[in-house]
């Protein structure tokens, strides 16, 4: 299923030629999935945005920053692909029971991310709905990959 979604996403990027401008410059909302987060997006130009996510992480917190390119999807107005690189940094406390990270202590995490998503801007009400795939790679304290996906609902202004 993941391979199918990635293939369809990349195929859509190949056939996208027309660019629609964004109808908003800022948005803030929630992302459900892994990781669940507070999210905000700010467009620096017509097709480039900066997105930030703040999430609870292993008894602490994590901030993710992403640099995203936006392109129209399937020639449908207000439907856009977005993709781009990013980073994450956080602090954790694993001195609690957890299946994956049981009793490893506390510390910091630093790593890289990539995001590939699809979002639709509603025109009757000021909301954006999105779905994304966001793999990451922790560099510190351990070299470890992770795969995330989520659904976002953001209020734009």
Protein backbone atom coordinates (compact mmCIF):
# COMPACT_ATOMS: atom_id res chain seq x y z
CA UNK A 1 0.00 0.00 0.00
CA UNK A 2 2.81 2.43 0.89
CA UNK A 3 4.56 1.69 -2.40
CA UNK A 4 1.32 2.33 -4.30
CA UNK A 5 0.78 5.72 -2.62
CA UNK A 6 4.39 6.75 -3.30
CA UNK A 7 4.15 5.62 -6.94
CA UNK A 8 0.91 7.54 -7.51
CA UNK A 9 2.42 10.61 -5.85
CA UNK A 10 5.54 10.55 -7.99
CA UNK A 11 3.49 9.89 -11.13
CA UNK A 12 1.34 12.91 -10.33
CA UNK A 13 4.42 15.10 -9.96
CA UNK A 14 5.59 14.08 -13.43
CA UNK A 15 2.34 15.11 -15.12
CA UNK A 16 1.82 18.34 -13.22
CA UNK A 17 2.55 21.39 -15.34
CA UNK A 18 0.10 24.09 -14.35
CA UNK A 19 0.64 25.99 -11.10
CA UNK A 20 -2.17 27.58 -9.15
CA UNK A 21 -1.31 30.22 -6.60
CA UNK A 22 -2.03 29.56 -2.97
CA UNK A 23 -5.11 31.31 -1.63
CA UNK A 24 -3.62 31.67 1.81
CA UNK A 25 -0.26 32.60 3.31
CA UNK A 26 -0.53 31.15 6.84
CA UNK A 27 -2.29 28.22 8.45
CA UNK A 28 -2.32 26.52 11.83
CA UNK A 29 -3.92 23.27 12.97
CA UNK A 30 -3.55 19.64 13.99
CA UNK A 31 -1.95 16.62 12.38
CA UNK A 32 -3.21 13.18 13.35
CA UNK A 33 -1.13 10.07 12.77
CA UNK A 34 2.51 9.41 13.49
CA UNK A 35 3.55 11.76 14.84
CA UNK A 36 0.46 13.57 16.08
CA UNK A 37 1.38 17.25 16.17
CA UNK A 38 0.43 20.89 16.25
CA UNK A 39 1.29 22.21 12.80
CA UNK A 40 1.72 25.58 11.16
CA UNK A 41 2.57 26.53 7.59
CA UNK A 42 3.78 29.83 6.13
CA UNK A 43 4.21 30.49 2.39
CA UNK A 44 7.36 32.43 1.55
CA UNK A 45 6.41 32.60 -2.16
CA UNK A 46 3.67 31.30 -4.44
CA UNK A 47 4.90 27.69 -4.41
CA UNK A 48 7.30 27.48 -1.43
CA UNK A 49 6.26 27.04 2.20
CA UNK A 50 7.88 26.50 5.58
CA UNK A 51 6.04 24.08 7.88
CA UNK A 52 6.66 23.50 11.55
CA UNK A 53 5.36 20.63 13.69
CA UNK A 54 5.49 20.37 17.48
CA UNK A 55 4.79 16.97 19.00
CA UNK A 56 5.10 15.04 22.23
CA UNK A 57 8.02 12.65 21.86
CA UNK A 58 9.00 9.77 24.16
CA UNK A 59 8.10 11.65 27.34
CA UNK A 60 9.42 14.96 25.97
CA UNK A 61 8.90 17.02 22.82
CA UNK A 62 10.12 17.28 19.25
CA UNK A 63 10.11 20.14 16.72
CA UNK A 64 10.18 19.40 12.98
CA UNK A 65 10.89 22.07 10.37
CA UNK A 66 10.17 21.41 6.68
CA UNK A 67 10.90 23.29 3.44
CA UNK A 68 8.09 22.41 1.02
CA UNK A 69 7.54 22.88 -2.72
CA UNK A 70 3.87 22.99 -3.81
CA UNK A 71 2.53 22.07 -7.26
CA UNK A 72 -0.98 21.65 -8.58
CA UNK A 73 -2.22 18.05 -8.65
CA UNK A 74 -4.23 16.57 -11.53
CA UNK A 75 -5.18 20.05 -12.87
CA UNK A 76 -7.73 20.30 -10.04
CA UNK A 77 -7.97 23.83 -8.59
CA UNK A 78 -6.98 24.03 -4.89
CA UNK A 79 -5.52 20.48 -4.89
CA UNK A 80 -1.72 20.48 -4.48
CA UNK A 81 1.17 18.08 -4.11
CA UNK A 82 3.87 19.14 -1.72
CA UNK A 83 7.27 17.67 -1.00
CA UNK A 84 10.54 18.68 0.56
CA UNK A 85 13.35 18.11 3.06
CA UNK A 86 13.50 19.04 6.72
CA UNK A 87 15.00 18.37 10.13
CA UNK A 88 13.87 17.49 13.63
CA UNK A 89 15.26 18.22 17.08
CA UNK A 90 13.87 17.26 20.46
CA UNK A 91 14.39 16.19 24.04
CA UNK A 92 13.11 12.93 25.51
CA UNK A 93 12.79 11.06 28.78
CA UNK A 94 12.52 7.28 28.37
CA UNK A 95 12.35 6.44 32.07
CA UNK A 96 8.83 5.10 31.67
CA UNK A 97 7.44 1.86 30.24
CA UNK A 98 7.35 1.88 26.46
CA UNK A 99 7.53 -1.11 24.16
CA UNK A 100 10.18 0.42 21.89
CA UNK A 101 12.20 2.69 24.17
CA UNK A 102 11.95 1.16 27.64
CA UNK A 103 14.30 2.64 30.28
CA UNK A 104 16.88 4.20 27.97
CA UNK A 105 17.21 7.38 30.03
CA UNK A 106 16.89 10.90 28.77
CA UNK A 107 18.62 12.97 26.12
CA UNK A 108 18.31 14.76 22.80
CA UNK A 109 17.38 13.65 19.32
CA UNK A 110 18.46 15.28 16.05
CA UNK A 111 17.74 14.08 12.53
CA UNK A 112 16.54 14.65 8.98
CA UNK A 113 13.08 14.36 7.45
CA UNK A 114 11.36 14.31 4.07
CA UNK A 115 7.68 14.92 3.37
CA UNK A 116 5.42 14.02 0.44
CA UNK A 117 1.79 15.02 0.69
CA UNK A 118 -1.44 16.10 -0.96
CA UNK A 119 -3.62 18.92 0.34
CA UNK A 120 -6.92 20.49 -0.63
CA UNK A 121 -7.82 24.09 0.20
CA UNK A 122 -11.52 24.50 0.98
CA UNK A 123 -12.97 27.70 -0.45
CA UNK A 124 -16.28 28.02 1.43
CA UNK A 125 -14.67 27.76 4.85
CA UNK A 126 -11.04 28.66 5.73
CA UNK A 127 -9.61 25.16 6.18
CA UNK A 128 -6.98 23.04 4.45
CA UNK A 129 -7.15 19.23 4.57
CA UNK A 130 -4.00 17.24 3.86
CA UNK A 131 -2.54 13.75 3.91
CA UNK A 132 1.18 13.04 3.95
CA UNK A 133 3.98 10.51 4.24
CA UNK A 134 6.95 11.71 6.34
CA UNK A 135 9.96 9.40 6.74
CA UNK A 136 12.78 10.50 9.03
CA UNK A 137 16.28 9.54 10.04
CA UNK A 138 17.59 10.09 13.57
CA UNK A 139 21.31 10.89 13.65
CA UNK A 140 21.71 11.56 17.40
CA UNK A 141 21.65 9.69 19.82
CA UNK A 142 21.28 6.58 17.61
CA UNK A 143 21.26 6.16 13.85
CA UNK A 144 17.67 5.02 13.28
CA UNK A 145 15.01 5.41 10.57
CA UNK A 146 11.31 5.96 11.12
CA UNK A 147 8.26 6.18 8.90
CA UNK A 148 5.38 8.50 9.61
CA UNK A 149 2.11 9.37 7.93
CA UNK A 150 -0.69 11.66 8.91
CA UNK A 151 -3.82 13.62 8.11
CA UNK A 152 -3.85 17.38 8.76
CA UNK A 153 -6.62 19.88 9.29
CA UNK A 154 -5.45 23.49 9.39
CA UNK A 155 -7.25 26.83 9.65
CA UNK A 156 -5.87 29.34 7.14
CA UNK A 157 -5.75 33.12 7.36
